[in-house]
Amino acid sequence: MLQPFDIFKVEDDGNVFWLDAAPSLQAATARIQLLLADRRNRFLILNQDTGNRLYVPPVSARDRTMLK
């Protein structure tokens, strides 16, 4: 069975790249928390079942140090 939550990275130029999939929204947001600690990108979580999207904005450098 396919995992219903896909995780994408959104580049500043608007390009979108698939990164990973997760079985739940909680698992997807946990994965993004790890990614935010090292990157300054925007992320998108897409629910394949409902089509709902959750955009996660970039984190400032100061906030990134707090995530580590």
PDB file of N, CA and C in Angstrom:
ATOM      1  N   MET A   1       0.838  -1.183   0.000  1.00  0.00           N
ATOM      2  CA  MET A   1       0.000   0.000   0.000  1.00  0.00           C
ATOM      3  C   MET A   1       0.884   1.248   0.000  1.00  0.00           C
ATOM      4  N   LEU A   2       0.518   2.236  -0.797  1.00  0.00           N
ATOM      5  CA  LEU A   2       1.276   3.472  -0.856  1.00  0.00           C
ATOM      6  C   LEU A   2       1.063   4.292   0.404  1.00  0.00           C
ATOM      7  N   GLN A   3       2.118   4.984   0.810  1.00  0.00           N
ATOM      8  CA  GLN A   3       1.995   5.866   1.959  1.00  0.00           C
ATOM      9  C   GLN A   3       1.287   7.140   1.511  1.00  0.00           C
ATOM     10  N   PRO A   4       0.311   7.611   2.284  1.00  0.00           N
ATOM     11  CA  PRO A   4      -0.547   8.692   1.799  1.00  0.00           C
ATOM     12  C   PRO A   4       0.060  10.092   1.839  1.00  0.00           C
ATOM     13  N   PHE A   5       1.180  10.287   2.525  1.00  0.00           N
ATOM     14  CA  PHE A   5       1.747  11.628   2.650  1.00  0.00           C
ATOM     15  C   PHE A   5       3.084  11.700   1.920  1.00  0.00           C
ATOM     16  N   ASP A   6       3.152  12.549   0.890  1.00  0.00           N
ATOM     17  CA  ASP A   6       4.396  12.779   0.174  1.00  0.00           C
ATOM     18  C   ASP A   6       5.002  14.080   0.660  1.00  0.00           C
ATOM     19  N   ILE A   7       6.335  14.102   0.736  1.00  0.00           N
ATOM     20  CA  ILE A   7       7.066  15.277   1.208  1.00  0.00           C
ATOM     21  C   ILE A   7       7.880  15.817   0.039  1.00  0.00           C
ATOM     22  N   PHE A   8       7.728  17.112  -0.225  1.00  0.00           N
ATOM     23  CA  PHE A   8       8.413  17.767  -1.328  1.00  0.00           C
ATOM     24  C   PHE A   8       9.230  18.944  -0.811  1.00  0.00           C
ATOM     25  N   LYS A   9      10.328  19.227  -1.496  1.00  0.00           N
ATOM     26  CA  LYS A   9      11.113  20.430  -1.250  1.00  0.00           C
ATOM     27  C   LYS A   9      10.728  21.432  -2.331  1.00  0.00           C
ATOM     28  N   VAL A  10      10.488  22.685  -1.935  1.00  0.00           N
ATOM     29  CA  VAL A  10      10.132  23.736  -2.875  1.00  0.00           C
ATOM     30  C   VAL A  10      11.304  24.712  -2.959  1.00  0.00           C
ATOM     31  N   GLU A  11      11.915  24.805  -4.131  1.00  0.00           N
ATOM     32  CA  GLU A  11      13.051  25.698  -4.341  1.00  0.00           C
ATOM     33  C   GLU A  11      12.581  27.142  -4.485  1.00  0.00           C
ATOM     34  N   ASP A  12      13.491  28.091  -4.308  1.00  0.00           N
ATOM     35  CA  ASP A  12      13.166  29.506  -4.458  1.00  0.00           C
ATOM     36  C   ASP A  12      12.658  29.836  -5.856  1.00  0.00           C
ATOM     37  N   ASP A  13      13.125  29.096  -6.863  1.00  0.00           N
ATOM     38  CA  ASP A  13      12.705  29.364  -8.238  1.00  0.00           C
ATOM     39  C   ASP A  13      11.368  28.694  -8.587  1.00  0.00           C
ATOM     40  N   GLY A  14      10.751  28.021  -7.605  1.00  0.00           N
ATOM     41  CA  GLY A  14       9.453  27.397  -7.810  1.00  0.00           C
ATOM     42  C   GLY A  14       9.504  25.927  -8.176  1.00  0.00           C
ATOM     43  N   ASN A  15      10.690  25.389  -8.440  1.00  0.00           N
ATOM     44  CA  ASN A  15      10.802  23.953  -8.732  1.00  0.00           C
ATOM     45  C   ASN A  15      10.469  23.143  -7.487  1.00  0.00           C
ATOM     46  N   VAL A  16       9.790  22.029  -7.693  1.00  0.00           N
ATOM     47  CA  VAL A  16       9.364  21.160  -6.597  1.00  0.00           C
ATOM     48  C   VAL A  16       9.990  19.786  -6.797  1.00  0.00           C
ATOM     49  N   PHE A  17      10.605  19.251  -5.740  1.00  0.00           N
ATOM     50  CA  PHE A  17      11.263  17.954  -5.802  1.00  0.00           C
ATOM     51  C   PHE A  17      10.717  17.030  -4.728  1.00  0.00           C
ATOM     52  N   TRP A  18      10.368  15.803  -5.123  1.00  0.00           N
ATOM     53  CA  TRP A  18       9.891  14.805  -4.168  1.00  0.00           C
ATOM     54  C   TRP A  18      11.068  14.345  -3.319  1.00  0.00           C
ATOM     55  N   LEU A  19      10.865  14.247  -2.004  1.00  0.00           N
ATOM     56  CA  LEU A  19      11.922  13.800  -1.096  1.00  0.00           C
ATOM     57  C   LEU A  19      11.626  12.460  -0.452  1.00  0.00           C
ATOM     58  N   ASP A  20      10.392  12.278   0.001  1.00  0.00           N
ATOM     59  CA  ASP A  20      10.104  11.122   0.839  1.00  0.00           C
ATOM     60  C   ASP A  20       8.589  10.930   0.928  1.00  0.00           C
ATOM     61  N   ALA A  21       8.176   9.850   1.545  1.00  0.00           N
ATOM     62  CA  ALA A  21       6.772   9.582   1.836  1.00  0.00           C
ATOM     63  C   ALA A  21       6.661   9.173   3.298  1.00  0.00           C
ATOM     64  N   ALA A  22       5.483   9.348   3.859  1.00  0.00           N
ATOM     65  CA  ALA A  22       5.277   9.027   5.272  1.00  0.00           C
ATOM     66  C   ALA A  22       3.888   8.430   5.454  1.00  0.00           C
ATOM     67  N   PRO A  23       3.736   7.577   6.469  1.00  0.00           N
ATOM     68  CA  PRO A  23       2.447   6.930   6.704  1.00  0.00           C
ATOM     69  C   PRO A  23       1.431   7.823   7.413  1.00  0.00           C
ATOM     70  N   SER A  24       1.905   8.927   8.029  1.00  0.00           N
ATOM     71  CA  SER A  24       0.994   9.805   8.765  1.00  0.00           C
ATOM     72  C   SER A  24       1.506  11.235   8.694  1.00  0.00           C
ATOM     73  N   LEU A  25       0.627  12.176   9.023  1.00  0.00           N
ATOM     74  CA  LEU A  25       1.030  13.578   9.053  1.00  0.00           C
ATOM     75  C   LEU A  25       2.082  13.812  10.128  1.00  0.00           C
ATOM     76  N   GLN A  26       1.959  13.123  11.249  1.00  0.00           N
ATOM     77  CA  GLN A  26       2.932  13.264  12.322  1.00  0.00           C
ATOM     78  C   GLN A  26       4.318  12.802  11.866  1.00  0.00           C
ATOM     79  N   ALA A  27       4.378  11.699  11.155  1.00  0.00           N
ATOM     80  CA  ALA A  27       5.668  11.209  10.650  1.00  0.00           C
ATOM     81  C   ALA A  27       6.236  12.160   9.609  1.00  0.00           C
ATOM     82  N   ALA A  28       5.375  12.732   8.777  1.00  0.00           N
ATOM     83  CA  ALA A  28       5.831  13.678   7.756  1.00  0.00           C
ATOM     84  C   ALA A  28       6.389  14.946   8.394  1.00  0.00           C
ATOM     85  N   THR A  29       5.696  15.478   9.386  1.00  0.00           N
ATOM     86  CA  THR A  29       6.195  16.695  10.032  1.00  0.00           C
ATOM     87  C   THR A  29       7.472  16.423  10.823  1.00  0.00           C
ATOM     88  N   ALA A  30       7.611  15.239  11.399  1.00  0.00           N
ATOM     89  CA  ALA A  30       8.850  14.884  12.097  1.00  0.00           C
ATOM     90  C   ALA A  30      10.011  14.828  11.107  1.00  0.00           C
ATOM     91  N   ARG A  31       9.762  14.278   9.926  1.00  0.00           N
ATOM     92  CA  ARG A  31      10.803  14.220   8.881  1.00  0.00           C
ATOM     93  C   ARG A  31      11.207  15.627   8.454  1.00  0.00           C
ATOM     94  N   ILE A  32      10.239  16.516   8.308  1.00  0.00           N
ATOM     95  CA  ILE A  32      10.542  17.891   7.912  1.00  0.00           C
ATOM     96  C   ILE A  32      11.321  18.616   9.006  1.00  0.00           C
ATOM     97  N   GLN A  33      11.029  18.337  10.256  1.00  0.00           N
ATOM     98  CA  GLN A  33      11.785  18.962  11.348  1.00  0.00           C
ATOM     99  C   GLN A  33      13.267  18.623  11.225  1.00  0.00           C
ATOM    100  N   LEU A  34      13.577  17.384  10.859  1.00  0.00           N
ATOM    101  CA  LEU A  34      14.978  17.001  10.650  1.00  0.00           C
ATOM    102  C   LEU A  34      15.570  17.738   9.457  1.00  0.00           C
ATOM    103  N   LEU A  35      14.813  17.865   8.386  1.00  0.00           N
ATOM    104  CA  LEU A  35      15.292  18.549   7.190  1.00  0.00           C
ATOM    105  C   LEU A  35      15.489  20.042   7.439  1.00  0.00           C
ATOM    106  N   LEU A  36      14.620  20.659   8.215  1.00  0.00           N
ATOM    107  CA  LEU A  36      14.715  22.092   8.484  1.00  0.00           C
ATOM    108  C   LEU A  36      15.971  22.449   9.263  1.00  0.00           C
ATOM    109  N   ALA A  37      16.485  21.519  10.045  1.00  0.00           N
ATOM    110  CA  ALA A  37      17.678  21.792  10.836  1.00  0.00           C
ATOM    111  C   ALA A  37      18.892  22.051   9.946  1.00  0.00           C
ATOM    112  N   ASP A  38      18.902  21.515   8.728  1.00  0.00           N
ATOM    113  CA  ASP A  38      20.067  21.640   7.862  1.00  0.00           C
ATOM    114  C   ASP A  38      19.833  22.430   6.587  1.00  0.00           C
ATOM    115  N   ARG A  39      18.615  22.801   6.294  1.00  0.00           N
ATOM    116  CA  ARG A  39      18.319  23.461   5.016  1.00  0.00           C
ATOM    117  C   ARG A  39      17.492  24.713   5.224  1.00  0.00           C
ATOM    118  N   ARG A  40      17.573  25.587   4.243  1.00  0.00           N
ATOM    119  CA  ARG A  40      16.758  26.804   4.272  1.00  0.00           C
ATOM    120  C   ARG A  40      15.767  26.760   3.104  1.00  0.00           C
ATOM    121  N   ASN A  41      15.008  25.718   3.023  1.00  0.00           N
ATOM    122  CA  ASN A  41      14.040  25.543   1.948  1.00  0.00           C
ATOM    123  C   ASN A  41      12.633  25.546   2.497  1.00  0.00           C
ATOM    124  N   ARG A  42      11.686  25.708   1.599  1.00  0.00           N
ATOM    125  CA  ARG A  42      10.279  25.509   1.931  1.00  0.00           C
ATOM    126  C   ARG A  42       9.942  24.063   1.620  1.00  0.00           C
ATOM    127  N   PHE A  43       8.992  23.518   2.355  1.00  0.00           N
ATOM    128  CA  PHE A  43       8.584  22.145   2.140  1.00  0.00           C
ATOM    129  C   PHE A  43       7.073  22.078   1.969  1.00  0.00           C
ATOM    130  N   LEU A  44       6.627  21.006   1.351  1.00  0.00           N
ATOM    131  CA  LEU A  44       5.220  20.778   1.087  1.00  0.00           C
ATOM    132  C   LEU A  44       4.899  19.340   1.458  1.00  0.00           C
ATOM    133  N   ILE A  45       3.826  19.152   2.212  1.00  0.00           N
ATOM    134  CA  ILE A  45       3.310  17.815   2.508  1.00  0.00           C
ATOM    135  C   ILE A  45       1.996  17.689   1.754  1.00  0.00           C
ATOM    136  N   LEU A  46       1.884  16.671   0.938  1.00  0.00           N
ATOM    137  CA  LEU A  46       0.686  16.442   0.129  1.00  0.00           C
ATOM    138  C   LEU A  46       0.040  15.137   0.562  1.00  0.00           C
ATOM    139  N   ASN A  47      -1.239  15.200   0.916  1.00  0.00           N
ATOM    140  CA  ASN A  47      -1.994  13.999   1.264  1.00  0.00           C
ATOM    141  C   ASN A  47      -2.590  13.442  -0.030  1.00  0.00           C
ATOM    142  N   GLN A  48      -2.146  12.271  -0.431  1.00  0.00           N
ATOM    143  CA  GLN A  48      -2.596  11.660  -1.683  1.00  0.00           C
ATOM    144  C   GLN A  48      -4.071  11.266  -1.637  1.00  0.00           C
ATOM    145  N   ASP A  49      -4.590  10.986  -0.451  1.00  0.00           N
ATOM    146  CA  ASP A  49      -5.986  10.565  -0.332  1.00  0.00           C
ATOM    147  C   ASP A  49      -6.969  11.723  -0.489  1.00  0.00           C
ATOM    148  N   THR A  50      -6.648  12.875   0.120  1.00  0.00           N
ATOM    149  CA  THR A  50      -7.582  14.000   0.126  1.00  0.00           C
ATOM    150  C   THR A  50      -7.179  15.139  -0.799  1.00  0.00           C
ATOM    151  N   GLY A  51      -5.906  15.178  -1.194  1.00  0.00           N
ATOM    152  CA  GLY A  51      -5.411  16.292  -1.992  1.00  0.00           C
ATOM    153  C   GLY A  51      -5.048  17.509  -1.160  1.00  0.00           C
ATOM    154  N   ASN A  52      -5.209  17.429   0.161  1.00  0.00           N
ATOM    155  CA  ASN A  52      -4.841  18.545   1.037  1.00  0.00           C
ATOM    156  C   ASN A  52      -3.342  18.755   1.014  1.00  0.00           C
ATOM    157  N   ARG A  53      -2.953  20.033   1.129  1.00  0.00           N
ATOM    158  CA  ARG A  53      -1.537  20.392   1.113  1.00  0.00           C
ATOM    159  C   ARG A  53      -1.212  21.200   2.355  1.00  0.00           C
ATOM    160  N   LEU A  54      -0.021  20.972   2.893  1.00  0.00           N
ATOM    161  CA  LEU A  54       0.482  21.742   4.018  1.00  0.00           C
ATOM    162  C   LEU A  54       1.837  22.298   3.615  1.00  0.00           C
ATOM    163  N   TYR A  55       1.942  23.633   3.538  1.00  0.00           N
ATOM    164  CA  TYR A  55       3.205  24.276   3.200  1.00  0.00           C
ATOM    165  C   TYR A  55       3.950  24.607   4.480  1.00  0.00           C
ATOM    166  N   VAL A  56       5.253  24.320   4.495  1.00  0.00           N
ATOM    167  CA  VAL A  56       6.101  24.627   5.636  1.00  0.00           C
ATOM    168  C   VAL A  56       7.122  25.658   5.168  1.00  0.00           C
ATOM    169  N   PRO A  57       7.062  26.888   5.705  1.00  0.00           N
ATOM    170  CA  PRO A  57       7.972  27.943   5.246  1.00  0.00           C
ATOM    171  C   PRO A  57       9.401  27.696   5.718  1.00  0.00           C
ATOM    172  N   PRO A  58      10.372  28.411   5.117  1.00  0.00           N
ATOM    173  CA  PRO A  58      11.760  28.262   5.556  1.00  0.00           C
ATOM    174  C   PRO A  58      11.927  28.772   6.979  1.00  0.00           C
ATOM    175  N   VAL A  59      12.934  28.263   7.637  1.00  0.00           N
ATOM    176  CA  VAL A  59      13.235  28.645   9.010  1.00  0.00           C
ATOM    177  C   VAL A  59      14.443  29.575   8.982  1.00  0.00           C
ATOM    178  N   SER A  60      14.416  30.612   9.802  1.00  0.00           N
ATOM    179  CA  SER A  60      15.546  31.539   9.863  1.00  0.00           C
ATOM    180  C   SER A  60      16.767  30.837  10.440  1.00  0.00           C
ATOM    181  N   ALA A  61      17.943  31.409  10.203  1.00  0.00           N
ATOM    182  CA  ALA A  61      19.198  30.819  10.708  1.00  0.00           C
ATOM    183  C   ALA A  61      19.166  30.695  12.220  1.00  0.00           C
ATOM    184  N   ARG A  62      18.622  31.708  12.908  1.00  0.00           N
ATOM    185  CA  ARG A  62      18.553  31.671  14.370  1.00  0.00           C
ATOM    186  C   ARG A  62      17.670  30.508  14.837  1.00  0.00           C
ATOM    187  N   ASP A  63      16.523  30.349  14.188  1.00  0.00           N
ATOM    188  CA  ASP A  63      15.611  29.273  14.574  1.00  0.00           C
ATOM    189  C   ASP A  63      16.172  27.898  14.222  1.00  0.00           C
ATOM    190  N   ARG A  64      16.967  27.812  13.130  1.00  0.00           N
ATOM    191  CA  ARG A  64      17.572  26.528  12.761  1.00  0.00           C
ATOM    192  C   ARG A  64      18.503  26.027  13.846  1.00  0.00           C
ATOM    193  N   THR A  65      19.252  26.932  14.493  1.00  0.00           N
ATOM    194  CA  THR A  65      20.159  26.499  15.559  1.00  0.00           C
ATOM    195  C   THR A  65      19.377  25.967  16.746  1.00  0.00           C
ATOM    196  N   MET A  66      18.170  26.482  16.957  1.00  0.00           N
ATOM    197  CA  MET A  66      17.345  26.010  18.074  1.00  0.00           C
ATOM    198  C   MET A  66      16.776  24.633  17.796  1.00  0.00           C
ATOM    199  N   LEU A  67      16.645  24.240  16.519  1.00  0.00           N
ATOM    200  CA  LEU A  67      16.110  22.927  16.188  1.00  0.00           C
ATOM    201  C   LEU A  67      17.117  21.811  16.413  1.00  0.00           C
ATOM    202  N   LYS A  68      18.389  22.163  16.425  1.00  0.00           N
ATOM    203  CA  LYS A  68      19.440  21.125  16.535  1.00  0.00           C
ATOM    204  C   LYS A  68      19.579  20.624  17.937  1.00  0.00           C
TER     205      LYS A  68
END
